[in-house]
Amino acid sequence: MTMSEKDGNLKRWVLEAAGGEEIEAVVVGWSEWSDGGVDPGPLANKVAKWSEVEALLDFDFYSGYGGAQCNAINAIYAWTKSWVIAVSEYDGATGISKLPRNPMACEPSYH
């Protein structure tokens, strides 16, 4: 995959991570050092409804190693009944992680 191939999309990733559960709330990050993503305006760093931010997160970007585009997109937290979903980054590759919202039997993984 080349840097010109945009394979990441926050809206799609959050919906997939939610696994069909309703997204109850979202915080879309933004700060003066943000150098990409979408400025969420008055919703920045505030608890919002999924319907208020879903369109803002629907853009494609390169997510592969060496891209280091984690700060070129919006940091987010999203909550469902069972999960807390967030943007993750490892060695320049951007992805999505989810953690149990409450104690539950599950197989822990590295994030």
PDB file of N, CA and C in Angstrom:
ATOM      1  N   MET A   1       0.840  -1.174   0.000  1.00  0.00           N
ATOM      2  CA  MET A   1       0.000   0.000   0.000  1.00  0.00           C
ATOM      3  C   MET A   1       0.884   1.235   0.000  1.00  0.00           C
ATOM      4  N   THR A   2       0.492   2.219  -0.777  1.00  0.00           N
ATOM      5  CA  THR A   2       1.259   3.451  -0.838  1.00  0.00           C
ATOM      6  C   THR A   2       0.566   4.523  -0.010  1.00  0.00           C
ATOM      7  N   MET A   3       1.320   5.589   0.301  1.00  0.00           N
ATOM      8  CA  MET A   3       0.751   6.678   1.085  1.00  0.00           C
ATOM      9  C   MET A   3      -0.452   7.307   0.399  1.00  0.00           C
ATOM     10  N   SER A   4      -0.551   7.154  -0.915  1.00  0.00           N
ATOM     11  CA  SER A   4      -1.683   7.743  -1.627  1.00  0.00           C
ATOM     12  C   SER A   4      -2.946   6.879  -1.514  1.00  0.00           C
ATOM     13  N   GLU A   5      -2.802   5.647  -1.018  1.00  0.00           N
ATOM     14  CA  GLU A   5      -3.958   4.769  -0.847  1.00  0.00           C
ATOM     15  C   GLU A   5      -4.563   5.013   0.526  1.00  0.00           C
ATOM     16  N   LYS A   6      -5.720   5.605   0.541  1.00  0.00           N
ATOM     17  CA  LYS A   6      -6.368   5.969   1.799  1.00  0.00           C
ATOM     18  C   LYS A   6      -7.297   4.845   2.222  1.00  0.00           C
ATOM     19  N   ASP A   7      -6.914   4.160   3.293  1.00  0.00           N
ATOM     20  CA  ASP A   7      -7.660   2.983   3.729  1.00  0.00           C
ATOM     21  C   ASP A   7      -8.346   3.173   5.077  1.00  0.00           C
ATOM     22  N   GLY A   8      -8.107   4.264   5.756  1.00  0.00           N
ATOM     23  CA  GLY A   8      -8.713   4.507   7.058  1.00  0.00           C
ATOM     24  C   GLY A   8      -9.920   5.407   6.952  1.00  0.00           C
ATOM     25  N   ASN A   9     -10.889   5.197   7.836  1.00  0.00           N
ATOM     26  CA  ASN A   9     -12.078   6.036   7.905  1.00  0.00           C
ATOM     27  C   ASN A   9     -12.630   5.901   9.322  1.00  0.00           C
ATOM     28  N   LEU A  10     -12.596   6.991  10.086  1.00  0.00           N
ATOM     29  CA  LEU A  10     -13.009   6.918  11.494  1.00  0.00           C
ATOM     30  C   LEU A  10     -14.464   6.505  11.662  1.00  0.00           C
ATOM     31  N   LYS A  11     -15.349   7.028  10.849  1.00  0.00           N
ATOM     32  CA  LYS A  11     -16.759   6.652  10.972  1.00  0.00           C
ATOM     33  C   LYS A  11     -16.917   5.141  10.805  1.00  0.00           C
ATOM     34  N   ARG A  12     -16.328   4.605   9.749  1.00  0.00           N
ATOM     35  CA  ARG A  12     -16.435   3.160   9.492  1.00  0.00           C
ATOM     36  C   ARG A  12     -15.821   2.362  10.633  1.00  0.00           C
ATOM     37  N   TRP A  13     -14.634   2.775  11.087  1.00  0.00           N
ATOM     38  CA  TRP A  13     -13.953   2.055  12.168  1.00  0.00           C
ATOM     39  C   TRP A  13     -14.765   2.049  13.460  1.00  0.00           C
ATOM     40  N   VAL A  14     -15.344   3.189  13.829  1.00  0.00           N
ATOM     41  CA  VAL A  14     -16.131   3.257  15.065  1.00  0.00           C
ATOM     42  C   VAL A  14     -17.358   2.360  14.956  1.00  0.00           C
ATOM     43  N   LEU A  15     -18.037   2.410  13.830  1.00  0.00           N
ATOM     44  CA  LEU A  15     -19.221   1.561  13.646  1.00  0.00           C
ATOM     45  C   LEU A  15     -18.853   0.080  13.709  1.00  0.00           C
ATOM     46  N   GLU A  16     -17.742  -0.300  13.083  1.00  0.00           N
ATOM     47  CA  GLU A  16     -17.303  -1.694  13.147  1.00  0.00           C
ATOM     48  C   GLU A  16     -16.954  -2.098  14.569  1.00  0.00           C
ATOM     49  N   ALA A  17     -16.232  -1.239  15.294  1.00  0.00           N
ATOM     50  CA  ALA A  17     -15.840  -1.549  16.674  1.00  0.00           C
ATOM     51  C   ALA A  17     -17.054  -1.632  17.588  1.00  0.00           C
ATOM     52  N   ALA A  18     -18.084  -0.864  17.308  1.00  0.00           N
ATOM     53  CA  ALA A  18     -19.303  -0.886  18.125  1.00  0.00           C
ATOM     54  C   ALA A  18     -20.050  -2.207  17.973  1.00  0.00           C
ATOM     55  N   GLY A  19     -19.799  -2.924  16.904  1.00  0.00           N
ATOM     56  CA  GLY A  19     -20.398  -4.241  16.722  1.00  0.00           C
ATOM     57  C   GLY A  19     -21.911  -4.246  16.737  1.00  0.00           C
ATOM     58  N   GLY A  20     -22.523  -3.205  16.211  1.00  0.00           N
ATOM     59  CA  GLY A  20     -23.980  -3.151  16.163  1.00  0.00           C
ATOM     60  C   GLY A  20     -24.611  -2.481  17.368  1.00  0.00           C
ATOM     61  N   GLU A  21     -23.816  -2.230  18.414  1.00  0.00           N
ATOM     62  CA  GLU A  21     -24.367  -1.522  19.574  1.00  0.00           C
ATOM     63  C   GLU A  21     -24.539  -0.044  19.254  1.00  0.00           C
ATOM     64  N   GLU A  22     -25.537   0.567  19.865  1.00  0.00           N
ATOM     65  CA  GLU A  22     -25.749   2.001  19.699  1.00  0.00           C
ATOM     66  C   GLU A  22     -24.560   2.774  20.266  1.00  0.00           C
ATOM     67  N   ILE A  23     -24.110   3.780  19.552  1.00  0.00           N
ATOM     68  CA  ILE A  23     -23.058   4.656  20.059  1.00  0.00           C
ATOM     69  C   ILE A  23     -23.756   5.717  20.904  1.00  0.00           C
ATOM     70  N   GLU A  24     -23.540   5.635  22.208  1.00  0.00           N
ATOM     71  CA  GLU A  24     -24.272   6.469  23.153  1.00  0.00           C
ATOM     72  C   GLU A  24     -23.741   7.893  23.240  1.00  0.00           C
ATOM     73  N   ALA A  25     -22.440   8.064  23.111  1.00  0.00           N
ATOM     74  CA  ALA A  25     -21.835   9.389  23.216  1.00  0.00           C
ATOM     75  C   ALA A  25     -20.458   9.355  22.565  1.00  0.00           C
ATOM     76  N   VAL A  26     -19.980  10.535  22.142  1.00  0.00           N
ATOM     77  CA  VAL A  26     -18.674  10.664  21.494  1.00  0.00           C
ATOM     78  C   VAL A  26     -18.043  11.983  21.941  1.00  0.00           C
ATOM     79  N   VAL A  27     -16.729  11.955  22.157  1.00  0.00           N
ATOM     80  CA  VAL A  27     -15.959  13.183  22.312  1.00  0.00           C
ATOM     81  C   VAL A  27     -14.964  13.213  21.159  1.00  0.00           C
ATOM     82  N   VAL A  28     -14.993  14.282  20.374  1.00  0.00           N
ATOM     83  CA  VAL A  28     -14.072  14.455  19.255  1.00  0.00           C
ATOM     84  C   VAL A  28     -13.011  15.457  19.686  1.00  0.00           C
ATOM     85  N   GLY A  29     -11.770  15.000  19.683  1.00  0.00           N
ATOM     86  CA  GLY A  29     -10.682  15.850  20.126  1.00  0.00           C
ATOM     87  C   GLY A  29     -10.279  16.891  19.104  1.00  0.00           C
ATOM     88  N   TRP A  30      -9.810  18.017  19.614  1.00  0.00           N
ATOM     89  CA  TRP A  30      -9.264  19.083  18.778  1.00  0.00           C
ATOM     90  C   TRP A  30      -8.452  20.003  19.673  1.00  0.00           C
ATOM     91  N   SER A  31      -7.306  20.418  19.205  1.00  0.00           N
ATOM     92  CA  SER A  31      -6.499  21.380  19.959  1.00  0.00           C
ATOM     93  C   SER A  31      -5.734  22.251  18.987  1.00  0.00           C
ATOM     94  N   GLU A  32      -5.047  23.254  19.493  1.00  0.00           N
ATOM     95  CA  GLU A  32      -4.318  24.157  18.603  1.00  0.00           C
ATOM     96  C   GLU A  32      -3.203  23.467  17.844  1.00  0.00           C
ATOM     97  N   TRP A  33      -2.727  22.297  18.334  1.00  0.00           N
ATOM     98  CA  TRP A  33      -1.666  21.572  17.630  1.00  0.00           C
ATOM     99  C   TRP A  33      -2.201  20.558  16.632  1.00  0.00           C
ATOM    100  N   SER A  34      -3.510  20.412  16.538  1.00  0.00           N
ATOM    101  CA  SER A  34      -4.081  19.498  15.553  1.00  0.00           C
ATOM    102  C   SER A  34      -3.708  19.972  14.157  1.00  0.00           C
ATOM    103  N   ASP A  35      -3.142  19.080  13.359  1.00  0.00           N
ATOM    104  CA  ASP A  35      -2.738  19.485  12.011  1.00  0.00           C
ATOM    105  C   ASP A  35      -3.479  18.713  10.933  1.00  0.00           C
ATOM    106  N   GLY A  36      -4.649  18.246  11.267  1.00  0.00           N
ATOM    107  CA  GLY A  36      -5.447  17.539  10.282  1.00  0.00           C
ATOM    108  C   GLY A  36      -6.781  17.178  10.881  1.00  0.00           C
ATOM    109  N   GLY A  37      -7.474  16.302  10.233  1.00  0.00           N
ATOM    110  CA  GLY A  37      -8.801  15.959  10.693  1.00  0.00           C
ATOM    111  C   GLY A  37      -9.765  17.083  10.364  1.00  0.00           C
ATOM    112  N   VAL A  38     -10.859  17.119  11.069  1.00  0.00           N
ATOM    113  CA  VAL A  38     -11.902  18.098  10.834  1.00  0.00           C
ATOM    114  C   VAL A  38     -12.128  18.875  12.116  1.00  0.00           C
ATOM    115  N   ASP A  39     -12.126  20.190  12.021  1.00  0.00           N
ATOM    116  CA  ASP A  39     -12.397  21.025  13.189  1.00  0.00           C
ATOM    117  C   ASP A  39     -13.866  20.839  13.570  1.00  0.00           C
ATOM    118  N   PRO A  40     -14.135  20.257  14.736  1.00  0.00           N
ATOM    119  CA  PRO A  40     -15.525  20.028  15.130  1.00  0.00           C
ATOM    120  C   PRO A  40     -16.216  21.270  15.692  1.00  0.00           C
ATOM    121  N   GLY A  41     -15.551  22.422  15.627  1.00  0.00           N
ATOM    122  CA  GLY A  41     -16.168  23.669  16.075  1.00  0.00           C
ATOM    123  C   GLY A  41     -16.553  23.615  17.546  1.00  0.00           C
ATOM    124  N   PRO A  42     -17.773  24.051  17.870  1.00  0.00           N
ATOM    125  CA  PRO A  42     -18.176  24.112  19.282  1.00  0.00           C
ATOM    126  C   PRO A  42     -18.319  22.733  19.943  1.00  0.00           C
ATOM    127  N   LEU A  43     -18.280  21.669  19.153  1.00  0.00           N
ATOM    128  CA  LEU A  43     -18.366  20.325  19.726  1.00  0.00           C
ATOM    129  C   LEU A  43     -17.001  19.789  20.156  1.00  0.00           C
ATOM    130  N   ALA A  44     -15.932  20.517  19.865  1.00  0.00           N
ATOM    131  CA  ALA A  44     -14.579  20.053  20.192  1.00  0.00           C
ATOM    132  C   ALA A  44     -14.447  19.777  21.682  1.00  0.00           C
ATOM    133  N   ASN A  45     -13.976  18.570  21.988  1.00  0.00           N
ATOM    134  CA  ASN A  45     -13.676  18.167  23.361  1.00  0.00           C
ATOM    135  C   ASN A  45     -14.897  18.182  24.277  1.00  0.00           C
ATOM    136  N   LYS A  46     -16.084  18.106  23.692  1.00  0.00           N
ATOM    137  CA  LYS A  46     -17.344  18.075  24.452  1.00  0.00           C
ATOM    138  C   LYS A  46     -18.047  16.750  24.192  1.00  0.00           C
ATOM    139  N   VAL A  47     -18.866  16.333  25.125  1.00  0.00           N
ATOM    140  CA  VAL A  47     -19.676  15.128  24.919  1.00  0.00           C
ATOM    141  C   VAL A  47     -20.764  15.465  23.897  1.00  0.00           C
ATOM    142  N   ALA A  48     -20.829  14.652  22.841  1.00  0.00           N
ATOM    143  CA  ALA A  48     -21.786  14.898  21.760  1.00  0.00           C
ATOM    144  C   ALA A  48     -22.530  13.612  21.421  1.00  0.00           C
ATOM    145  N   LYS A  49     -23.628  13.761  20.716  1.00  0.00           N
ATOM    146  CA  LYS A  49     -24.365  12.621  20.186  1.00  0.00           C
ATOM    147  C   LYS A  49     -23.660  12.152  18.917  1.00  0.00           C
ATOM    148  N   TRP A  50     -23.757  10.853  18.645  1.00  0.00           N
ATOM    149  CA  TRP A  50     -23.167  10.299  17.427  1.00  0.00           C
ATOM    150  C   TRP A  50     -23.713  11.024  16.197  1.00  0.00           C
ATOM    151  N   SER A  51     -24.993  11.315  16.177  1.00  0.00           N
ATOM    152  CA  SER A  51     -25.605  11.975  15.018  1.00  0.00           C
ATOM    153  C   SER A  51     -25.013  13.363  14.769  1.00  0.00           C
ATOM    154  N   GLU A  52     -24.476  13.995  15.796  1.00  0.00           N
ATOM    155  CA  GLU A  52     -23.889  15.331  15.641  1.00  0.00           C
ATOM    156  C   GLU A  52     -22.495  15.293  15.021  1.00  0.00           C
ATOM    157  N   VAL A  53     -21.784  14.172  15.176  1.00  0.00           N
ATOM    158  CA  VAL A  53     -20.383  14.134  14.716  1.00  0.00           C
ATOM    159  C   VAL A  53     -20.109  13.085  13.640  1.00  0.00           C
ATOM    160  N   GLU A  54     -21.052  12.233  13.391  1.00  0.00           N
ATOM    161  CA  GLU A  54     -20.830  11.127  12.457  1.00  0.00           C
ATOM    162  C   GLU A  54     -20.332  11.600  11.092  1.00  0.00           C
ATOM    163  N   ALA A  55     -20.925  12.643  10.533  1.00  0.00           N
ATOM    164  CA  ALA A  55     -20.504  13.136   9.218  1.00  0.00           C
ATOM    165  C   ALA A  55     -19.097  13.735   9.270  1.00  0.00           C
ATOM    166  N   LEU A  56     -18.721  14.329  10.397  1.00  0.00           N
ATOM    167  CA  LEU A  56     -17.377  14.908  10.543  1.00  0.00           C
ATOM    168  C   LEU A  56     -16.285  13.845  10.462  1.00  0.00           C
ATOM    169  N   LEU A  57     -16.608  12.632  10.892  1.00  0.00           N
ATOM    170  CA  LEU A  57     -15.611  11.563  10.956  1.00  0.00           C
ATOM    171  C   LEU A  57     -15.585  10.705   9.699  1.00  0.00           C
ATOM    172  N   ASP A  58     -16.386  11.057   8.719  1.00  0.00           N
ATOM    173  CA  ASP A  58     -16.493  10.266   7.498  1.00  0.00           C
ATOM    174  C   ASP A  58     -15.553  10.817   6.424  1.00  0.00           C
ATOM    175  N   PHE A  59     -14.243  10.589   6.615  1.00  0.00           N
ATOM    176  CA  PHE A  59     -13.249  10.964   5.612  1.00  0.00           C
ATOM    177  C   PHE A  59     -12.169   9.896   5.588  1.00  0.00           C
ATOM    178  N   ASP A  60     -11.530   9.733   4.456  1.00  0.00           N
ATOM    179  CA  ASP A  60     -10.531   8.690   4.271  1.00  0.00           C
ATOM    180  C   ASP A  60      -9.127   9.244   4.486  1.00  0.00           C
ATOM    181  N   PHE A  61      -8.243   8.397   5.014  1.00  0.00           N
ATOM    182  CA  PHE A  61      -6.853   8.781   5.253  1.00  0.00           C
ATOM    183  C   PHE A  61      -5.981   7.538   5.203  1.00  0.00           C
ATOM    184  N   TYR A  62      -4.682   7.732   5.023  1.00  0.00           N
ATOM    185  CA  TYR A  62      -3.716   6.638   5.028  1.00  0.00           C
ATOM    186  C   TYR A  62      -3.464   6.231   6.468  1.00  0.00           C
ATOM    187  N   SER A  63      -3.601   4.948   6.778  1.00  0.00           N
ATOM    188  CA  SER A  63      -3.451   4.486   8.156  1.00  0.00           C
ATOM    189  C   SER A  63      -2.235   3.594   8.365  1.00  0.00           C
ATOM    190  N   GLY A  64      -1.442   3.362   7.328  1.00  0.00           N
ATOM    191  CA  GLY A  64      -0.353   2.389   7.407  1.00  0.00           C
ATOM    192  C   GLY A  64       0.879   2.868   8.146  1.00  0.00           C
ATOM    193  N   TYR A  65       1.793   1.922   8.383  1.00  0.00           N
ATOM    194  CA  TYR A  65       3.052   2.202   9.070  1.00  0.00           C
ATOM    195  C   TYR A  65       3.832   3.287   8.339  1.00  0.00           C
ATOM    196  N   GLY A  66       4.474   4.122   9.121  1.00  0.00           N
ATOM    197  CA  GLY A  66       5.283   5.193   8.559  1.00  0.00           C
ATOM    198  C   GLY A  66       4.481   6.410   8.170  1.00  0.00           C
ATOM    199  N   GLY A  67       3.163   6.279   8.214  1.00  0.00           N
ATOM    200  CA  GLY A  67       2.319   7.417   7.861  1.00  0.00           C
ATOM    201  C   GLY A  67       2.242   8.436   8.972  1.00  0.00           C
ATOM    202  N   ALA A  68       2.321   7.973  10.209  1.00  0.00           N
ATOM    203  CA  ALA A  68       2.241   8.823  11.396  1.00  0.00           C
ATOM    204  C   ALA A  68       1.155   9.874  11.259  1.00  0.00           C
ATOM    205  N   GLN A  69      -0.012   9.450  10.807  1.00  0.00           N
ATOM    206  CA  GLN A  69      -1.102  10.401  10.617  1.00  0.00           C
ATOM    207  C   GLN A  69      -2.057  10.425  11.795  1.00  0.00           C
ATOM    208  N   CYS A  70      -1.649   9.869  12.923  1.00  0.00           N
ATOM    209  CA  CYS A  70      -2.545   9.863  14.074  1.00  0.00           C
ATOM    210  C   CYS A  70      -2.902  11.288  14.486  1.00  0.00           C
ATOM    211  N   ASN A  71      -1.955  12.215  14.386  1.00  0.00           N
ATOM    212  CA  ASN A  71      -2.288  13.597  14.730  1.00  0.00           C
ATOM    213  C   ASN A  71      -2.862  14.357  13.546  1.00  0.00           C
ATOM    214  N   ALA A  72      -3.004  13.692  12.411  1.00  0.00           N
ATOM    215  CA  ALA A  72      -3.613  14.324  11.248  1.00  0.00           C
ATOM    216  C   ALA A  72      -5.092  13.966  11.147  1.00  0.00           C
ATOM    217  N   ILE A  73      -5.582  13.234  12.119  1.00  0.00           N
ATOM    218  CA  ILE A  73      -7.007  12.938  12.207  1.00  0.00           C
ATOM    219  C   ILE A  73      -7.458  13.319  13.603  1.00  0.00           C
ATOM    220  N   ASN A  74      -8.713  13.161  13.875  1.00  0.00           N
ATOM    221  CA  ASN A  74      -9.237  13.514  15.179  1.00  0.00           C
ATOM    222  C   ASN A  74      -9.064  12.380  16.170  1.00  0.00           C
ATOM    223  N   ALA A  75      -8.586  12.707  17.364  1.00  0.00           N
ATOM    224  CA  ALA A  75      -8.642  11.757  18.457  1.00  0.00           C
ATOM    225  C   ALA A  75     -10.097  11.688  18.905  1.00  0.00           C
ATOM    226  N   ILE A  76     -10.552  10.499  19.248  1.00  0.00           N
ATOM    227  CA  ILE A  76     -11.947  10.363  19.675  1.00  0.00           C
ATOM    228  C   ILE A  76     -12.057   9.369  20.820  1.00  0.00           C
ATOM    229  N   TYR A  77     -13.102   9.526  21.590  1.00  0.00           N
ATOM    230  CA  TYR A  77     -13.603   8.504  22.507  1.00  0.00           C
ATOM    231  C   TYR A  77     -15.064   8.318  22.130  1.00  0.00           C
ATOM    232  N   ALA A  78     -15.494   7.068  22.049  1.00  0.00           N
ATOM    233  CA  ALA A  78     -16.900   6.764  21.783  1.00  0.00           C
ATOM    234  C   ALA A  78     -17.339   5.687  22.768  1.00  0.00           C
ATOM    235  N   TRP A  79     -18.549   5.818  23.271  1.00  0.00           N
ATOM    236  CA  TRP A  79     -19.067   4.881  24.251  1.00  0.00           C
ATOM    237  C   TRP A  79     -20.284   4.148  23.708  1.00  0.00           C
ATOM    238  N   THR A  80     -20.297   2.834  23.898  1.00  0.00           N
ATOM    239  CA  THR A  80     -21.483   2.017  23.661  1.00  0.00           C
ATOM    240  C   THR A  80     -21.867   1.411  25.002  1.00  0.00           C
ATOM    241  N   LYS A  81     -22.880   0.588  25.011  1.00  0.00           N
ATOM    242  CA  LYS A  81     -23.290  -0.084  26.243  1.00  0.00           C
ATOM    243  C   LYS A  81     -22.146  -0.909  26.831  1.00  0.00           C
ATOM    244  N   SER A  82     -21.329  -1.523  25.958  1.00  0.00           N
ATOM    245  CA  SER A  82     -20.300  -2.463  26.415  1.00  0.00           C
ATOM    246  C   SER A  82     -18.868  -1.981  26.254  1.00  0.00           C
ATOM    247  N   TRP A  83     -18.623  -0.973  25.401  1.00  0.00           N
ATOM    248  CA  TRP A  83     -17.259  -0.645  25.007  1.00  0.00           C
ATOM    249  C   TRP A  83     -16.943   0.839  25.090  1.00  0.00           C
ATOM    250  N   VAL A  84     -15.655   1.132  25.275  1.00  0.00           N
ATOM    251  CA  VAL A  84     -15.099   2.464  25.065  1.00  0.00           C
ATOM    252  C   VAL A  84     -14.149   2.325  23.877  1.00  0.00           C
ATOM    253  N   ILE A  85     -14.370   3.107  22.846  1.00  0.00           N
ATOM    254  CA  ILE A  85     -13.643   3.019  21.586  1.00  0.00           C
ATOM    255  C   ILE A  85     -12.768   4.255  21.438  1.00  0.00           C
ATOM    256  N   ALA A  86     -11.518   4.071  20.961  1.00  0.00           N
ATOM    257  CA  ALA A  86     -10.603   5.197  20.809  1.00  0.00           C
ATOM    258  C   ALA A  86      -9.666   4.972  19.628  1.00  0.00           C
ATOM    259  N   VAL A  87      -9.122   6.070  19.098  1.00  0.00           N
ATOM    260  CA  VAL A  87      -8.076   5.991  18.076  1.00  0.00           C
ATOM    261  C   VAL A  87      -6.799   5.512  18.750  1.00  0.00           C
ATOM    262  N   SER A  88      -6.061   4.646  18.070  1.00  0.00           N
ATOM    263  CA  SER A  88      -4.782   4.175  18.598  1.00  0.00           C
ATOM    264  C   SER A  88      -3.708   4.366  17.537  1.00  0.00           C
ATOM    265  N   GLU A  89      -2.459   4.356  17.968  1.00  0.00           N
ATOM    266  CA  GLU A  89      -1.337   4.531  17.053  1.00  0.00           C
ATOM    267  C   GLU A  89      -0.184   3.671  17.534  1.00  0.00           C
ATOM    268  N   TYR A  90       0.465   2.987  16.587  1.00  0.00           N
ATOM    269  CA  TYR A  90       1.657   2.211  16.896  1.00  0.00           C
ATOM    270  C   TYR A  90       2.641   2.375  15.753  1.00  0.00           C
ATOM    271  N   ASP A  91       3.783   2.926  16.044  1.00  0.00           N
ATOM    272  CA  ASP A  91       4.863   3.047  15.068  1.00  0.00           C
ATOM    273  C   ASP A  91       4.403   3.699  13.761  1.00  0.00           C
ATOM    274  N   GLY A  92       3.553   4.693  13.903  1.00  0.00           N
ATOM    275  CA  GLY A  92       3.090   5.420  12.726  1.00  0.00           C
ATOM    276  C   GLY A  92       1.847   4.861  12.079  1.00  0.00           C
ATOM    277  N   ALA A  93       1.378   3.697  12.526  1.00  0.00           N
ATOM    278  CA  ALA A  93       0.150   3.125  11.964  1.00  0.00           C
ATOM    279  C   ALA A  93      -1.027   3.509  12.859  1.00  0.00           C
ATOM    280  N   THR A  94      -2.068   4.013  12.262  1.00  0.00           N
ATOM    281  CA  THR A  94      -3.250   4.448  12.994  1.00  0.00           C
ATOM    282  C   THR A  94      -4.302   3.348  12.947  1.00  0.00           C
ATOM    283  N   GLY A  95      -4.975   3.149  14.055  1.00  0.00           N
ATOM    284  CA  GLY A  95      -6.020   2.137  14.119  1.00  0.00           C
ATOM    285  C   GLY A  95      -7.063   2.522  15.142  1.00  0.00           C
ATOM    286  N   ILE A  96      -7.855   1.563  15.522  1.00  0.00           N
ATOM    287  CA  ILE A  96      -8.905   1.784  16.513  1.00  0.00           C
ATOM    288  C   ILE A  96      -8.761   0.716  17.578  1.00  0.00           C
ATOM    289  N   SER A  97      -9.012   1.101  18.810  1.00  0.00           N
ATOM    290  CA  SER A  97      -8.978   0.160  19.929  1.00  0.00           C
ATOM    291  C   SER A  97     -10.287   0.260  20.687  1.00  0.00           C
ATOM    292  N   LYS A  98     -10.634  -0.818  21.356  1.00  0.00           N
ATOM    293  CA  LYS A  98     -11.801  -0.759  22.234  1.00  0.00           C
ATOM    294  C   LYS A  98     -11.492  -1.521  23.497  1.00  0.00           C
ATOM    295  N   LEU A  99     -11.994  -0.998  24.593  1.00  0.00           N
ATOM    296  CA  LEU A  99     -11.832  -1.606  25.908  1.00  0.00           C
ATOM    297  C   LEU A  99     -13.208  -1.820  26.510  1.00  0.00           C
ATOM    298  N   PRO A 100     -13.351  -2.843  27.360  1.00  0.00           N
ATOM    299  CA  PRO A 100     -14.645  -3.033  28.016  1.00  0.00           C
ATOM    300  C   PRO A 100     -15.013  -1.798  28.848  1.00  0.00           C
ATOM    301  N   ARG A 101     -16.257  -1.423  28.779  1.00  0.00           N
ATOM    302  CA  ARG A 101     -16.735  -0.273  29.544  1.00  0.00           C
ATOM    303  C   ARG A 101     -16.851  -0.614  31.025  1.00  0.00           C
ATOM    304  N   ASN A 102     -17.142  -1.861  31.294  1.00  0.00           N
ATOM    305  CA  ASN A 102     -17.294  -2.356  32.665  1.00  0.00           C
ATOM    306  C   ASN A 102     -16.557  -3.685  32.775  1.00  0.00           C
ATOM    307  N   PRO A 103     -16.288  -4.126  33.996  1.00  0.00           N
ATOM    308  CA  PRO A 103     -15.648  -5.437  34.142  1.00  0.00           C
ATOM    309  C   PRO A 103     -16.449  -6.525  33.430  1.00  0.00           C
ATOM    310  N   MET A 104     -15.743  -7.347  32.661  1.00  0.00           N
ATOM    311  CA  MET A 104     -16.401  -8.438  31.949  1.00  0.00           C
ATOM    312  C   MET A 104     -15.361  -9.495  31.608  1.00  0.00           C
ATOM    313  N   ALA A 105     -15.792 -10.718  31.486  1.00  0.00           N
ATOM    314  CA  ALA A 105     -14.898 -11.780  31.039  1.00  0.00           C
ATOM    315  C   ALA A 105     -14.583 -11.535  29.573  1.00  0.00           C
ATOM    316  N   CYS A 106     -13.308 -11.484  29.238  1.00  0.00           N
ATOM    317  CA  CYS A 106     -12.889 -11.251  27.856  1.00  0.00           C
ATOM    318  C   CYS A 106     -11.414 -11.606  27.737  1.00  0.00           C
ATOM    319  N   GLU A 107     -10.908 -11.658  26.517  1.00  0.00           N
ATOM    320  CA  GLU A 107      -9.486 -11.893  26.298  1.00  0.00           C
ATOM    321  C   GLU A 107      -8.798 -10.541  26.125  1.00  0.00           C
ATOM    322  N   PRO A 108      -8.016 -10.096  27.132  1.00  0.00           N
ATOM    323  CA  PRO A 108      -7.319  -8.810  27.000  1.00  0.00           C
ATOM    324  C   PRO A 108      -6.335  -8.832  25.836  1.00  0.00           C
ATOM    325  N   SER A 109      -6.120  -7.659  25.262  1.00  0.00           N
ATOM    326  CA  SER A 109      -5.165  -7.516  24.166  1.00  0.00           C
ATOM    327  C   SER A 109      -4.348  -6.257  24.388  1.00  0.00           C
ATOM    328  N   TYR A 110      -3.260  -6.130  23.645  1.00  0.00           N
ATOM    329  CA  TYR A 110      -2.420  -4.942  23.725  1.00  0.00           C
ATOM    330  C   TYR A 110      -3.047  -3.831  22.901  1.00  0.00           C
ATOM    331  N   HIS A 111      -2.897  -2.583  23.376  1.00  0.00           N
ATOM    332  CA  HIS A 111      -3.482  -1.434  22.651  1.00  0.00           C
ATOM    333  C   HIS A 111      -2.419  -0.408  22.409  1.00  0.00           C
TER     334      HIS A 111
END
